[in-house]
Amino acid sequence: MNNSPHPIYCYFLNSLLMIISYLAKCFCLLLFLVIYLVLSALDHSINYTSLI
C-alpha cells in the first residue's frame, strides 16, 4: 500500500513536465513573434523618418 501513490505521483510529475515544456514552446514562439513585430515596426518607423 505504501508504493501505491508513487506511480500516480510520477505520472502527475511527467504530465506536469509535458505541460511546462509545451507552455515553454508556446512562450518562445510568442516571444519570437513579438520581437519580430517590434523589429518590423522599428524598421518601418525608421523608413518613415528617413522618407520625411
PDB file of N, CA and C in Angstrom:
ATOM      1  N   MET A   1       0.824  -1.206   0.000  1.00  0.00           N
ATOM      2  CA  MET A   1       0.000   0.000   0.000  1.00  0.00           C
ATOM      3  C   MET A   1       0.870   1.272   0.000  1.00  0.00           C
ATOM      4  N   ASN A   2       2.087   1.128   0.521  1.00  0.00           N
ATOM      5  CA  ASN A   2       2.959   2.292   0.610  1.00  0.00           C
ATOM      6  C   ASN A   2       3.454   2.721  -0.772  1.00  0.00           C
ATOM      7  N   ASN A   3       3.606   1.764  -1.716  1.00  0.00           N
ATOM      8  CA  ASN A   3       4.072   2.093  -3.050  1.00  0.00           C
ATOM      9  C   ASN A   3       2.936   2.515  -3.975  1.00  0.00           C
ATOM     10  N   SER A   4       1.712   2.492  -3.522  1.00  0.00           N
ATOM     11  CA  SER A   4       0.572   2.778  -4.386  1.00  0.00           C
ATOM     12  C   SER A   4       0.528   4.218  -4.910  1.00  0.00           C
ATOM     13  N   PRO A   5       0.734   5.254  -4.102  1.00  0.00           N
ATOM     14  CA  PRO A   5       0.636   6.605  -4.655  1.00  0.00           C
ATOM     15  C   PRO A   5       1.834   7.006  -5.506  1.00  0.00           C
ATOM     16  N   HIS A   6       2.904   6.227  -5.460  1.00  0.00           N
ATOM     17  CA  HIS A   6       4.121   6.622  -6.163  1.00  0.00           C
ATOM     18  C   HIS A   6       3.958   6.691  -7.683  1.00  0.00           C
ATOM     19  N   PRO A   7       3.363   5.686  -8.367  1.00  0.00           N
ATOM     20  CA  PRO A   7       3.185   5.808  -9.823  1.00  0.00           C
ATOM     21  C   PRO A   7       2.269   6.970 -10.201  1.00  0.00           C
ATOM     22  N   ILE A   8       1.272   7.246  -9.385  1.00  0.00           N
ATOM     23  CA  ILE A   8       0.373   8.364  -9.659  1.00  0.00           C
ATOM     24  C   ILE A   8       1.162   9.664  -9.572  1.00  0.00           C
ATOM     25  N   TYR A   9       2.048   9.750  -8.581  1.00  0.00           N
ATOM     26  CA  TYR A   9       2.872  10.943  -8.422  1.00  0.00           C
ATOM     27  C   TYR A   9       3.820  11.089  -9.608  1.00  0.00           C
ATOM     28  N   CYS A  10       4.404   9.980 -10.056  1.00  0.00           N
ATOM     29  CA  CYS A  10       5.300  10.029 -11.219  1.00  0.00           C
ATOM     30  C   CYS A  10       4.528  10.443 -12.468  1.00  0.00           C
ATOM     31  N   TYR A  11       3.324   9.917 -12.635  1.00  0.00           N
ATOM     32  CA  TYR A  11       2.508  10.273 -13.790  1.00  0.00           C
ATOM     33  C   TYR A  11       2.141  11.750 -13.744  1.00  0.00           C
ATOM     34  N   PHE A  12       1.804  12.242 -12.549  1.00  0.00           N
ATOM     35  CA  PHE A  12       1.463  13.654 -12.397  1.00  0.00           C
ATOM     36  C   PHE A  12       2.667  14.531 -12.707  1.00  0.00           C
ATOM     37  N   LEU A  13       3.843  14.121 -12.224  1.00  0.00           N
ATOM     38  CA  LEU A  13       5.059  14.891 -12.477  1.00  0.00           C
ATOM     39  C   LEU A  13       5.397  14.880 -13.958  1.00  0.00           C
ATOM     40  N   ASN A  14       5.221  13.725 -14.599  1.00  0.00           N
ATOM     41  CA  ASN A  14       5.522  13.615 -16.029  1.00  0.00           C
ATOM     42  C   ASN A  14       4.579  14.491 -16.850  1.00  0.00           C
ATOM     43  N   SER A  15       3.289  14.465 -16.519  1.00  0.00           N
ATOM     44  CA  SER A  15       2.333  15.295 -17.258  1.00  0.00           C
ATOM     45  C   SER A  15       2.597  16.774 -16.987  1.00  0.00           C
ATOM     46  N   LEU A  16       3.015  17.098 -15.764  1.00  0.00           N
ATOM     47  CA  LEU A  16       3.336  18.481 -15.433  1.00  0.00           C
ATOM     48  C   LEU A  16       4.539  18.953 -16.242  1.00  0.00           C
ATOM     49  N   LEU A  17       5.535  18.092 -16.384  1.00  0.00           N
ATOM     50  CA  LEU A  17       6.708  18.453 -17.183  1.00  0.00           C
ATOM     51  C   LEU A  17       6.333  18.626 -18.647  1.00  0.00           C
ATOM     52  N   MET A  18       5.447  17.777 -19.157  1.00  0.00           N
ATOM     53  CA  MET A  18       4.995  17.909 -20.543  1.00  0.00           C
ATOM     54  C   MET A  18       4.269  19.230 -20.745  1.00  0.00           C
ATOM     55  N   ILE A  19       3.403  19.585 -19.785  1.00  0.00           N
ATOM     56  CA  ILE A  19       2.661  20.844 -19.885  1.00  0.00           C
ATOM     57  C   ILE A  19       3.614  22.027 -19.825  1.00  0.00           C
ATOM     58  N   ILE A  20       4.619  21.949 -18.934  1.00  0.00           N
ATOM     59  CA  ILE A  20       5.582  23.041 -18.803  1.00  0.00           C
ATOM     60  C   ILE A  20       6.400  23.188 -20.083  1.00  0.00           C
ATOM     61  N   SER A  21       6.811  22.071 -20.681  1.00  0.00           N
ATOM     62  CA  SER A  21       7.593  22.157 -21.915  1.00  0.00           C
ATOM     63  C   SER A  21       6.732  22.703 -23.059  1.00  0.00           C
ATOM     64  N   TYR A  22       5.456  22.304 -23.089  1.00  0.00           N
ATOM     65  CA  TYR A  22       4.546  22.815 -24.114  1.00  0.00           C
ATOM     66  C   TYR A  22       4.347  24.323 -23.956  1.00  0.00           C
ATOM     67  N   LEU A  23       4.160  24.770 -22.698  1.00  0.00           N
ATOM     68  CA  LEU A  23       3.999  26.198 -22.450  1.00  0.00           C
ATOM     69  C   LEU A  23       5.274  26.955 -22.766  1.00  0.00           C
ATOM     70  N   ALA A  24       6.421  26.340 -22.501  1.00  0.00           N
ATOM     71  CA  ALA A  24       7.694  26.995 -22.809  1.00  0.00           C
ATOM     72  C   ALA A  24       7.852  27.169 -24.314  1.00  0.00           C
ATOM     73  N   LYS A  25       7.425  26.141 -25.091  1.00  0.00           N
ATOM     74  CA  LYS A  25       7.489  26.262 -26.551  1.00  0.00           C
ATOM     75  C   LYS A  25       6.565  27.378 -27.041  1.00  0.00           C
ATOM     76  N   CYS A  26       5.355  27.433 -26.498  1.00  0.00           N
ATOM     77  CA  CYS A  26       4.410  28.481 -26.895  1.00  0.00           C
ATOM     78  C   CYS A  26       4.945  29.854 -26.517  1.00  0.00           C
ATOM     79  N   PHE A  27       5.565  29.942 -25.319  1.00  0.00           N
ATOM     80  CA  PHE A  27       6.106  31.213 -24.870  1.00  0.00           C
ATOM     81  C   PHE A  27       7.261  31.651 -25.771  1.00  0.00           C
ATOM     82  N   CYS A  28       8.103  30.706 -26.168  1.00  0.00           N
ATOM     83  CA  CYS A  28       9.215  31.044 -27.063  1.00  0.00           C
ATOM     84  C   CYS A  28       8.693  31.509 -28.419  1.00  0.00           C
ATOM     85  N   LEU A  29       7.673  30.840 -28.937  1.00  0.00           N
ATOM     86  CA  LEU A  29       7.097  31.254 -30.216  1.00  0.00           C
ATOM     87  C   LEU A  29       6.472  32.640 -30.114  1.00  0.00           C
ATOM     88  N   LEU A  30       5.760  32.891 -29.021  1.00  0.00           N
ATOM     89  CA  LEU A  30       5.146  34.214 -28.838  1.00  0.00           C
ATOM     90  C   LEU A  30       6.223  35.293 -28.681  1.00  0.00           C
ATOM     91  N   LEU A  31       7.292  34.961 -27.958  1.00  0.00           N
ATOM     92  CA  LEU A  31       8.374  35.922 -27.771  1.00  0.00           C
ATOM     93  C   LEU A  31       9.038  36.237 -29.105  1.00  0.00           C
ATOM     94  N   PHE A  32       9.262  35.192 -29.912  1.00  0.00           N
ATOM     95  CA  PHE A  32       9.856  35.399 -31.233  1.00  0.00           C
ATOM     96  C   PHE A  32       8.953  36.271 -32.106  1.00  0.00           C
ATOM     97  N   LEU A  33       7.636  36.009 -32.033  1.00  0.00           N
ATOM     98  CA  LEU A  33       6.676  36.791 -32.821  1.00  0.00           C
ATOM     99  C   LEU A  33       6.664  38.256 -32.371  1.00  0.00           C
ATOM    100  N   VAL A  34       6.687  38.482 -31.063  1.00  0.00           N
ATOM    101  CA  VAL A  34       6.684  39.850 -30.533  1.00  0.00           C
ATOM    102  C   VAL A  34       7.964  40.576 -30.947  1.00  0.00           C
ATOM    103  N   ILE A  35       9.114  39.900 -30.838  1.00  0.00           N
ATOM    104  CA  ILE A  35      10.377  40.521 -31.235  1.00  0.00           C
ATOM    105  C   ILE A  35      10.358  40.845 -32.729  1.00  0.00           C
ATOM    106  N   TYR A  36       9.828  39.927 -33.530  1.00  0.00           N
ATOM    107  CA  TYR A  36       9.746  40.160 -34.972  1.00  0.00           C
ATOM    108  C   TYR A  36       8.851  41.362 -35.286  1.00  0.00           C
ATOM    109  N   LEU A  37       7.694  41.445 -34.592  1.00  0.00           N
ATOM    110  CA  LEU A  37       6.782  42.567 -34.827  1.00  0.00           C
ATOM    111  C   LEU A  37       7.401  43.883 -34.381  1.00  0.00           C
ATOM    112  N   VAL A  38       8.095  43.870 -33.237  1.00  0.00           N
ATOM    113  CA  VAL A  38       8.728  45.094 -32.748  1.00  0.00           C
ATOM    114  C   VAL A  38       9.831  45.534 -33.700  1.00  0.00           C
ATOM    115  N   LEU A  39      10.630  44.574 -34.175  1.00  0.00           N
ATOM    116  CA  LEU A  39      11.705  44.932 -35.107  1.00  0.00           C
ATOM    117  C   LEU A  39      11.145  45.447 -36.424  1.00  0.00           C
ATOM    118  N   SER A  40      10.080  44.843 -36.907  1.00  0.00           N
ATOM    119  CA  SER A  40       9.481  45.313 -38.165  1.00  0.00           C
ATOM    120  C   SER A  40       8.860  46.696 -37.970  1.00  0.00           C
ATOM    121  N   ALA A  41       8.254  46.934 -36.806  1.00  0.00           N
ATOM    122  CA  ALA A  41       7.685  48.251 -36.528  1.00  0.00           C
ATOM    123  C   ALA A  41       8.789  49.300 -36.445  1.00  0.00           C
ATOM    124  N   LEU A  42       9.895  48.951 -35.801  1.00  0.00           N
ATOM    125  CA  LEU A  42      11.028  49.883 -35.731  1.00  0.00           C
ATOM    126  C   LEU A  42      11.592  50.149 -37.114  1.00  0.00           C
ATOM    127  N   ASP A  43      11.659  49.091 -37.922  1.00  0.00           N
ATOM    128  CA  ASP A  43      12.174  49.244 -39.279  1.00  0.00           C
ATOM    129  C   ASP A  43      11.262  50.165 -40.085  1.00  0.00           C
ATOM    130  N   HIS A  44       9.954  50.002 -39.925  1.00  0.00           N
ATOM    131  CA  HIS A  44       9.004  50.863 -40.643  1.00  0.00           C
ATOM    132  C   HIS A  44       9.108  52.306 -40.161  1.00  0.00           C
ATOM    133  N   SER A  45       9.273  52.495 -38.855  1.00  0.00           N
ATOM    134  CA  SER A  45       9.368  53.860 -38.340  1.00  0.00           C
ATOM    135  C   SER A  45      10.663  54.517 -38.832  1.00  0.00           C
ATOM    136  N   ILE A  46      11.737  53.728 -38.908  1.00  0.00           N
ATOM    137  CA  ILE A  46      12.997  54.275 -39.431  1.00  0.00           C
ATOM    138  C   ILE A  46      12.838  54.634 -40.907  1.00  0.00           C
ATOM    139  N   ASN A  47      12.133  53.782 -41.641  1.00  0.00           N
ATOM    140  CA  ASN A  47      11.903  54.086 -43.061  1.00  0.00           C
ATOM    141  C   ASN A  47      11.055  55.337 -43.237  1.00  0.00           C
ATOM    142  N   TYR A  48      10.046  55.498 -42.383  1.00  0.00           N
ATOM    143  CA  TYR A  48       9.186  56.676 -42.491  1.00  0.00           C
ATOM    144  C   TYR A  48       9.948  57.955 -42.130  1.00  0.00           C
ATOM    145  N   THR A  49      10.790  57.866 -41.106  1.00  0.00           N
ATOM    146  CA  THR A  49      11.536  59.065 -40.718  1.00  0.00           C
ATOM    147  C   THR A  49      12.590  59.401 -41.769  1.00  0.00           C
ATOM    148  N   SER A  50      13.121  58.391 -42.446  1.00  0.00           N
ATOM    149  CA  SER A  50      14.108  58.692 -43.490  1.00  0.00           C
ATOM    150  C   SER A  50      13.421  59.262 -44.734  1.00  0.00           C
ATOM    151  N   LEU A  51      12.153  58.887 -44.961  1.00  0.00           N
ATOM    152  CA  LEU A  51      11.427  59.423 -46.122  1.00  0.00           C
ATOM    153  C   LEU A  51      11.061  60.895 -45.917  1.00  0.00           C
ATOM    154  N   ILE A  52      10.794  61.248 -44.668  1.00  0.00           N
ATOM    155  CA  ILE A  52      10.372  62.641 -44.404  1.00  0.00           C
ATOM    156  C   ILE A  52      11.560  63.588 -44.575  1.00  0.00           C
TER     157      ILE A  52
END
